[in-house]
């Protein structure tokens, strides 16, 4: 059996409310014969009369009385679907679904979330992720719409932008004598070291690069302590447990305050970051706006002057 159309239900509900076909037609700004024909089609579709027509007004039949609340509910559901559609395409509503590496909360996320909430208070924000590999997998499987990750990353089924931010891995120590010169892999292998990303040792870009350098130099890089997060590695180094490697922008506000000095690696080890989305997948306007703001804040961060506490 054919189903009623939304327009037919609208005409039926209006006619039941106002009591005449002419008034219903006027409310919908159409000719009366057109509205009458649509109601007649509705009656034929449902195979029941909906109105008893008198000389003065329309009266609902028993079938019409039963249909009226169902039709009103269907129209309300349709209006809610329309409202949902507008919201899902409107940056002022919806949900940001975004992933980042864990250390982003130290220099990016607080400002990003604060500024985005100020501009779009109606949007819910979901930010997740511990490591770039985890974020990539979440975007690939659809659990997140987009993410900011360190390159290289497993890009299967992903669209990866050109790099939007570049950081540098630096060597940090309490003893300034250790940071007077850039630190090569042989020197690094000979010093007590705390490394982060313990769970991701085989997929973390920094660890992979260090391992490759150590293999070429014929040395073994064996940290005395391994932890999950760069912030924890930095804290242990600040307490004198061991030296650490940290992204410059993670440590830049803490080097002087914690009495730490730093030096670049030799050769320098740059960290490149890019946005990822699912290949051929759509992202919501809210998530797109969140990414745009993140890009702008990262550009400002890249232009910021270096920490006054220089190496050694």
Protein backbone atom coordinates (compact mmCIF):
# COMPACT_ATOMS: atom_id res chain seq x y z
CA UNK A 1 0.00 0.00 0.00
CA UNK A 2 1.24 3.48 -0.83
CA UNK A 3 2.14 5.72 2.10
CA UNK A 4 0.73 9.20 2.77
CA UNK A 5 2.99 12.12 1.96
CA UNK A 6 4.00 14.74 4.49
CA UNK A 7 2.09 17.37 2.50
CA UNK A 8 -1.11 15.32 2.51
CA UNK A 9 -0.86 14.92 6.27
CA UNK A 10 -0.26 18.66 6.66
CA UNK A 11 -3.36 19.46 4.60
CA UNK A 12 -5.42 16.94 6.58
CA UNK A 13 -4.35 18.30 9.98
CA UNK A 14 -4.95 21.90 8.92
CA UNK A 15 -8.41 21.09 7.51
CA UNK A 16 -9.33 19.27 10.72
CA UNK A 17 -8.22 22.27 12.77
CA UNK A 18 -9.82 25.12 10.77
CA UNK A 19 -12.93 23.18 9.72
CA UNK A 20 -13.20 24.14 6.04
CA UNK A 21 -11.30 23.34 2.89
CA UNK A 22 -11.25 26.98 1.79
CA UNK A 23 -9.66 28.13 5.08
CA UNK A 24 -7.14 25.32 4.96
CA UNK A 25 -6.24 26.19 1.37
CA UNK A 26 -5.82 29.86 2.30
CA UNK A 27 -3.50 28.93 5.20
CA UNK A 28 -1.28 26.95 2.86
CA UNK A 29 -1.48 29.59 0.10
CA UNK A 30 -2.83 27.18 -2.53
CA UNK A 31 -6.05 26.88 -4.50
CA UNK A 32 -8.87 25.00 -2.79
CA UNK A 33 -9.24 22.36 -5.57
CA UNK A 34 -5.56 21.45 -5.15
CA UNK A 35 -5.93 20.94 -1.42
CA UNK A 36 -9.22 19.04 -1.87
CA UNK A 37 -7.58 16.73 -4.39
CA UNK A 38 -4.67 15.92 -2.04
CA UNK A 39 -7.04 15.07 0.80
CA UNK A 40 -9.07 12.89 -1.60
CA UNK A 41 -5.85 11.10 -2.60
CA UNK A 42 -5.06 10.58 1.09
CA UNK A 43 -8.49 9.04 1.64
CA UNK A 44 -8.04 6.74 -1.34
CA UNK A 45 -4.56 5.76 -0.12
CA UNK A 46 -5.89 4.87 3.33
CA UNK A 47 -9.12 3.50 1.89
CA UNK A 48 -11.28 5.29 4.46
CA UNK A 49 -13.24 8.59 4.47
CA UNK A 50 -11.69 11.11 6.83
CA UNK A 51 -14.29 13.88 6.75
CA UNK A 52 -18.04 14.22 6.65
CA UNK A 53 -18.74 17.29 4.58
CA UNK A 54 -21.67 19.46 5.74
CA UNK A 55 -22.89 22.75 4.37
CA UNK A 56 -21.07 24.71 7.05
CA UNK A 57 -17.90 22.80 8.02
CA UNK A 58 -15.93 19.58 7.91
CA UNK A 59 -16.50 16.93 10.56
CA UNK A 60 -14.02 14.19 11.25
CA UNK A 61 -15.19 10.61 10.79
CA UNK A 62 -14.24 8.00 13.37
CA UNK A 63 -11.29 7.06 11.15
CA UNK A 64 -10.34 10.73 10.85
CA UNK A 65 -10.41 11.13 14.64
CA UNK A 66 -8.08 8.13 15.00
CA UNK A 67 -5.72 9.41 12.30
CA UNK A 68 -5.44 12.97 13.61
CA UNK A 69 -3.08 12.34 16.60
CA UNK A 70 -0.99 9.97 14.48
CA UNK A 71 -0.68 12.58 11.74
CA UNK A 72 0.20 15.32 14.24
CA UNK A 73 2.90 13.11 15.76
CA UNK A 74 4.30 12.25 12.32
CA UNK A 75 4.49 15.93 11.40
CA UNK A 76 6.22 16.74 14.70
CA UNK A 77 8.77 13.99 14.02
CA UNK A 78 9.31 15.40 10.54
CA UNK A 79 9.92 18.87 11.96
CA UNK A 80 12.43 17.44 14.44
CA UNK A 81 14.24 15.67 11.61
CA UNK A 82 14.37 18.95 9.70
CA UNK A 83 15.73 20.73 12.78
CA UNK A 84 18.32 17.98 13.28
CA UNK A 85 19.38 18.33 9.66
CA UNK A 86 19.89 22.07 10.07
CA UNK A 87 21.88 21.57 13.25
CA UNK A 88 24.12 18.86 11.82
CA UNK A 89 25.04 21.24 8.99
CA UNK A 90 25.43 24.23 11.31
CA UNK A 91 28.70 24.96 13.09
CA UNK A 92 26.74 26.35 16.05
CA UNK A 93 25.43 22.91 17.02
CA UNK A 94 26.56 19.31 16.92
CA UNK A 95 29.70 17.68 18.30
CA UNK A 96 33.40 18.09 17.63
CA UNK A 97 34.93 14.61 17.29
CA UNK A 98 38.71 15.01 17.28
CA UNK A 99 41.84 13.14 18.35
CA UNK A 100 45.32 14.29 19.33
CA UNK A 101 48.53 12.93 20.83
CA UNK A 102 48.69 13.15 24.62
CA UNK A 103 51.19 16.01 24.98
CA UNK A 104 48.97 18.39 22.98
CA UNK A 105 47.19 19.24 26.22
CA UNK A 106 50.38 20.90 27.47
CA UNK A 107 50.52 23.65 24.86
CA UNK A 108 47.57 23.47 22.44
CA UNK A 109 44.34 22.00 23.80
CA UNK A 110 43.62 24.40 26.69
CA UNK A 111 43.71 27.45 24.41
CA UNK A 112 41.99 25.61 21.56
CA UNK A 113 39.06 24.36 23.64
CA UNK A 114 38.70 27.66 25.49
CA UNK A 115 38.64 29.77 22.32
CA UNK A 116 36.34 27.37 20.47
CA UNK A 117 33.85 27.25 23.34
CA UNK A 118 33.83 31.03 23.52
CA UNK A 119 33.01 31.25 19.81
CA UNK A 120 30.63 28.25 19.63
CA UNK A 121 29.03 27.66 23.05
CA UNK A 122 26.35 25.37 21.61
CA UNK A 123 28.81 22.76 20.39
CA UNK A 124 29.80 19.70 22.42
CA UNK A 125 33.53 18.88 22.25
CA UNK A 126 34.95 15.35 22.34
CA UNK A 127 38.75 15.18 22.25
CA UNK A 128 40.44 11.80 22.64
CA UNK A 129 43.74 10.06 22.01
CA UNK A 130 46.97 9.07 23.68
CA UNK A 131 49.28 8.60 20.72
CA UNK A 132 49.28 9.37 16.99
CA UNK A 133 48.97 5.68 16.11
CA UNK A 134 45.89 5.35 18.32
CA UNK A 135 44.33 8.48 16.83
CA UNK A 136 44.95 7.23 13.29
CA UNK A 137 43.20 3.95 14.08
CA UNK A 138 40.24 5.75 15.67
CA UNK A 139 39.80 7.95 12.59
CA UNK A 140 40.24 4.98 10.26
CA UNK A 141 37.47 3.04 12.02
CA UNK A 142 35.13 6.03 12.29
CA UNK A 143 35.30 6.45 16.07
CA UNK A 144 36.67 9.95 15.51
CA UNK A 145 36.05 12.30 12.58
CA UNK A 146 39.52 13.85 12.44
CA UNK A 147 42.80 14.17 14.29
CA UNK A 148 46.16 15.88 14.62
CA UNK A 149 49.00 13.35 14.43
CA UNK A 150 52.76 13.20 14.20
CA UNK A 151 54.13 11.97 10.88
CA UNK A 152 54.82 9.44 9.62
CA UNK A 153 51.60 7.60 10.34
CA UNK A 154 49.92 4.53 8.91
CA UNK A 155 47.77 6.29 6.31
CA UNK A 156 45.65 3.35 5.14
CA UNK A 157 42.14 4.69 4.38
CA UNK A 158 43.18 8.13 5.63
CA UNK A 159 43.50 11.53 3.99
CA UNK A 160 46.59 13.29 5.36
CA UNK A 161 47.17 17.03 4.97
CA UNK A 162 50.59 18.56 4.37
CA UNK A 163 52.36 19.30 7.68
CA UNK A 164 50.66 22.09 9.64
CA UNK A 165 53.16 22.31 12.50
CA UNK A 166 56.82 21.42 13.07
CA UNK A 167 58.38 20.82 16.47
CA UNK A 168 61.79 19.51 17.46
CA UNK A 169 62.78 16.73 19.84
CA UNK A 170 65.39 18.05 22.29
CA UNK A 171 67.55 16.56 25.00
CA UNK A 172 66.78 17.92 28.49
CA UNK A 173 68.86 17.56 31.65
CA UNK A 174 69.33 19.20 35.05
CA UNK A 175 73.11 19.30 34.58
CA UNK A 176 73.92 22.15 32.16
CA UNK A 177 77.23 20.49 31.33
CA UNK A 178 75.28 17.80 29.50
CA UNK A 179 73.64 20.30 27.15
CA UNK A 180 76.54 22.49 26.06
CA UNK A 181 76.72 20.77 22.68
CA UNK A 182 74.17 19.03 20.44
CA UNK A 183 73.75 15.40 21.52
CA UNK A 184 74.44 12.61 19.03
CA UNK A 185 73.14 9.07 19.26
CA UNK A 186 76.37 7.66 20.73
CA UNK A 187 76.30 10.21 23.54
CA UNK A 188 72.61 9.55 24.08
CA UNK A 189 73.17 5.81 24.36
CA UNK A 190 75.80 6.37 27.07
CA UNK A 191 73.60 8.50 29.32
CA UNK A 192 70.79 7.53 31.71
CA UNK A 193 67.59 8.25 29.87
CA UNK A 194 63.86 8.22 30.53
CA UNK A 195 61.75 7.74 27.41
CA UNK A 196 58.02 8.28 26.98
CA UNK A 197 55.52 6.41 24.79
CA UNK A 198 56.31 3.10 26.50
CA UNK A 199 53.20 1.39 25.13
CA UNK A 200 53.91 2.60 21.58
CA UNK A 201 57.64 1.89 21.39
CA UNK A 202 57.40 0.22 17.97
CA UNK A 203 55.06 2.77 16.36
CA UNK A 204 56.12 6.04 17.97
CA UNK A 205 57.95 8.17 15.33
CA UNK A 206 60.56 9.47 17.81
CA UNK A 207 61.45 6.02 19.08
CA UNK A 208 61.55 4.61 15.55
CA UNK A 209 64.00 7.33 14.44
CA UNK A 210 66.21 6.87 17.49
CA UNK A 211 66.29 3.10 16.97
CA UNK A 212 67.30 3.58 13.34
CA UNK A 213 70.10 5.97 14.32
CA UNK A 214 71.32 3.60 17.03
CA UNK A 215 71.41 0.65 14.64
CA UNK A 216 73.41 2.63 12.08
CA UNK A 217 75.87 3.73 14.78
CA UNK A 218 76.17 0.21 16.19
CA UNK A 219 75.02 1.16 19.69
CA UNK A 220 72.12 0.09 21.90
CA UNK A 221 69.68 2.68 23.19
CA UNK A 222 68.38 1.29 26.49
CA UNK A 223 66.44 3.74 28.67
CA UNK A 224 66.66 3.28 32.43
CA UNK A 225 63.00 4.34 32.80
CA UNK A 226 60.06 4.13 30.39
CA UNK A 227 56.77 5.97 30.94
CA UNK A 228 53.67 6.74 28.89
CA UNK A 229 53.65 10.52 28.70
CA UNK A 230 56.25 13.18 27.89
CA UNK A 231 55.06 15.24 30.85
CA UNK A 232 55.98 12.36 33.17
CA UNK A 233 59.37 11.91 31.53
CA UNK A 234 60.08 15.61 31.91
CA UNK A 235 59.04 15.57 35.58
CA UNK A 236 61.37 12.65 36.33
CA UNK A 237 64.21 14.45 34.56
CA UNK A 238 63.48 17.63 36.54
CA UNK A 239 63.78 15.56 39.73
CA UNK A 240 67.17 14.28 38.59
CA UNK A 241 66.17 10.66 38.01
CA UNK A 242 67.51 10.62 34.43
CA UNK A 243 67.74 12.85 31.39
CA UNK A 244 64.93 12.86 28.87
CA UNK A 245 63.87 13.64 25.34
CA UNK A 246 60.96 16.00 24.97
CA UNK A 247 59.31 18.00 22.21
CA UNK A 248 60.55 21.58 22.49
CA UNK A 249 57.05 23.05 22.73
CA UNK A 250 56.18 20.62 25.50
CA UNK A 251 59.09 21.83 27.63
CA UNK A 252 59.47 25.45 26.52
CA UNK A 253 57.44 26.97 29.36
CA UNK A 254 59.04 24.69 31.98
CA UNK A 255 62.77 24.63 31.22
CA UNK A 256 63.66 27.71 33.27
CA UNK A 257 61.02 27.18 35.96
CA UNK A 258 62.26 23.64 36.68
CA UNK A 259 65.97 24.44 36.40
CA UNK A 260 66.38 22.39 33.23
CA UNK A 261 68.63 23.04 30.25
CA UNK A 262 68.25 21.60 26.79
CA UNK A 263 70.19 20.87 23.62
CA UNK A 264 69.16 19.79 20.12
CA UNK A 265 69.97 16.35 18.87
CA UNK A 266 72.74 15.85 16.32
CA UNK A 267 71.51 15.67 13.64
CA UNK A 268 68.38 17.61 14.60
CA UNK A 269 65.22 15.56 14.90
CA UNK A 270 62.20 17.47 13.65
CA UNK A 271 58.64 16.37 14.36
CA UNK A 272 56.05 17.13 11.69
CA UNK A 273 52.34 17.17 12.47
CA UNK A 274 49.36 16.97 10.12
CA UNK A 275 45.59 16.64 10.21
CA UNK A 276 43.99 13.37 9.22
CA UNK A 277 40.44 12.49 8.20
CA UNK A 278 38.92 9.32 6.84
CA UNK A 279 39.49 9.06 3.09
CA UNK A 280 36.28 9.93 1.21
CA UNK A 281 34.59 10.60 4.56
CA UNK A 282 32.67 13.74 5.50
CA UNK A 283 33.31 15.75 8.66
CA UNK A 284 30.81 17.93 10.46
CA UNK A 285 31.00 21.74 10.23
CA UNK A 286 31.79 21.83 13.97
CA UNK A 287 34.81 19.53 13.60
CA UNK A 288 35.96 21.46 10.52
CA UNK A 289 35.78 24.74 12.46
CA UNK A 290 37.72 23.13 15.34
CA UNK A 291 40.45 22.06 12.91
CA UNK A 292 40.61 25.54 11.37
CA UNK A 293 41.07 27.11 14.80
CA UNK A 294 43.72 24.50 15.72
CA UNK A 295 45.61 25.34 12.52
CA UNK A 296 45.53 29.05 13.35
CA UNK A 297 46.77 28.51 16.92
CA UNK A 298 49.55 26.19 15.72
CA UNK A 299 50.66 28.83 13.21
CA UNK A 300 50.85 31.40 16.03
CA UNK A 301 52.74 28.94 18.21
CA UNK A 302 55.28 28.32 15.46
CA UNK A 303 55.98 32.08 15.29
CA UNK A 304 56.52 32.37 19.06
CA UNK A 305 60.10 33.19 20.16
CA UNK A 306 62.27 30.41 21.54
CA UNK A 307 62.60 29.92 25.29
CA UNK A 308 65.03 32.28 26.92
CA UNK A 309 66.73 29.30 28.57
CA UNK A 310 69.01 28.27 25.76
CA UNK A 311 71.10 25.09 25.60
CA UNK A 312 73.82 24.78 28.18
